[in-house]
Amino acid sequence: MTTLYVLSVDDFRPLAEVAGKNPDVTVRRRGPYLEVVAPGSIRIDRNAAGCRNAVWYSAVAAVKDGRVSRWDKSELVVEPAGAEG
């Protein structure tokens, strides 16, 4: 499972909420983090999350069993480990 961790604070919560709109994605609290889990890729649209630059580019706390394949001004994409980008 591809897992993205974001700190559970007001600034970063919208990223997990946007990701969680995908029915294949599960979001749950794990300590001070929100754990975003999917069997495949995790995609988060920046406009939907409403993040400004400083928040957007500092949102990722950790990735487990995956890698960030895209993180630009429009979208954050975390691919499963071993996936070709």
Protein backbone atom coordinates (compact mmCIF):
# COMPACT_ATOMS: atom_id res chain seq x y z
CA MET A 1 0.00 0.00 0.00
CA THR A 2 1.23 3.47 -0.90
CA THR A 3 1.24 5.71 2.16
CA LEU A 4 1.64 9.46 2.52
CA TYR A 5 1.94 11.16 5.89
CA VAL A 6 1.04 14.81 6.51
CA LEU A 7 1.07 16.56 9.84
CA SER A 8 -2.44 16.83 11.27
CA VAL A 9 -2.65 20.61 11.55
CA ASP A 10 -5.10 23.04 9.96
CA ASP A 11 -2.74 24.01 7.13
CA PHE A 12 -2.12 20.44 5.93
CA ARG A 13 -5.49 18.76 6.61
CA PRO A 14 -6.99 19.87 3.25
CA LEU A 15 -4.44 17.71 1.40
CA ALA A 16 -5.65 14.58 3.20
CA GLU A 17 -9.28 15.63 2.73
CA VAL A 18 -8.82 16.06 -1.04
CA ALA A 19 -6.99 12.72 -1.33
CA GLY A 20 -9.72 11.05 0.74
CA LYS A 21 -12.39 11.97 -1.83
CA ASN A 22 -11.02 9.12 -3.95
CA PRO A 23 -12.95 5.98 -2.88
CA ASP A 24 -9.74 3.91 -3.07
CA VAL A 25 -7.99 6.15 -0.53
CA THR A 26 -8.24 5.77 3.24
CA VAL A 27 -7.32 8.59 5.60
CA ARG A 28 -6.83 7.97 9.30
CA ARG A 29 -5.11 9.64 12.20
CA ARG A 30 -1.81 8.13 13.32
CA GLY A 31 -0.31 10.03 16.22
CA PRO A 32 0.25 13.63 15.15
CA TYR A 33 -0.10 12.68 11.46
CA LEU A 34 -2.78 11.95 8.92
CA GLU A 35 -1.99 8.70 7.14
CA VAL A 36 -3.21 8.67 3.53
CA VAL A 37 -3.22 5.10 2.19
CA ALA A 38 -4.06 3.75 -1.28
CA PRO A 39 -3.49 0.48 -3.14
CA GLY A 40 -2.15 2.52 -6.07
CA SER A 41 -1.22 6.13 -6.64
CA ILE A 42 -2.21 9.02 -4.41
CA ARG A 43 -3.06 12.22 -6.33
CA ILE A 44 -3.75 15.57 -4.75
CA ASP A 45 -4.79 18.60 -6.78
CA ARG A 46 -3.34 21.78 -5.33
CA ASN A 47 -6.26 24.01 -6.32
CA ALA A 48 -8.73 21.63 -4.68
CA ALA A 49 -6.64 21.68 -1.49
CA GLY A 50 -6.39 25.46 -1.58
CA CYS A 51 -2.75 25.54 -0.48
CA ARG A 52 -0.41 28.49 -0.83
CA ASN A 53 3.23 27.91 -1.84
CA ALA A 54 4.79 27.60 1.62
CA VAL A 55 2.20 25.05 2.75
CA TRP A 56 2.10 23.10 -0.51
CA TYR A 57 5.85 22.58 -0.74
CA SER A 58 6.27 21.64 2.94
CA ALA A 59 3.29 19.30 3.32
CA VAL A 60 4.93 15.89 2.91
CA ALA A 61 6.15 14.51 6.24
CA ALA A 62 6.97 11.02 4.91
CA VAL A 63 6.18 8.42 2.25
CA LYS A 64 6.06 4.68 2.86
CA ASP A 65 6.09 2.02 0.12
CA GLY A 66 6.09 4.68 -2.58
CA ARG A 67 7.83 7.69 -4.03
CA VAL A 68 6.89 11.21 -5.00
CA SER A 69 6.77 11.18 -8.81
CA ARG A 70 5.32 14.66 -9.27
CA TRP A 71 5.16 17.65 -6.98
CA ASP A 72 4.73 20.85 -8.91
CA LYS A 73 2.49 23.90 -8.80
CA SER A 74 -0.56 21.83 -9.81
CA GLU A 75 -0.40 18.35 -8.36
CA LEU A 76 1.24 16.03 -5.86
CA VAL A 77 1.49 12.42 -7.01
CA VAL A 78 2.83 9.56 -4.89
CA GLU A 79 3.34 6.35 -6.89
CA PRO A 80 3.63 2.84 -5.46
CA ALA A 81 7.18 1.62 -4.85
CA GLY A 82 8.66 0.21 -8.04
CA ALA A 83 6.23 2.07 -10.34
CA GLU A 84 7.73 3.67 -13.41
CA GLY A 85 7.19 7.44 -13.54
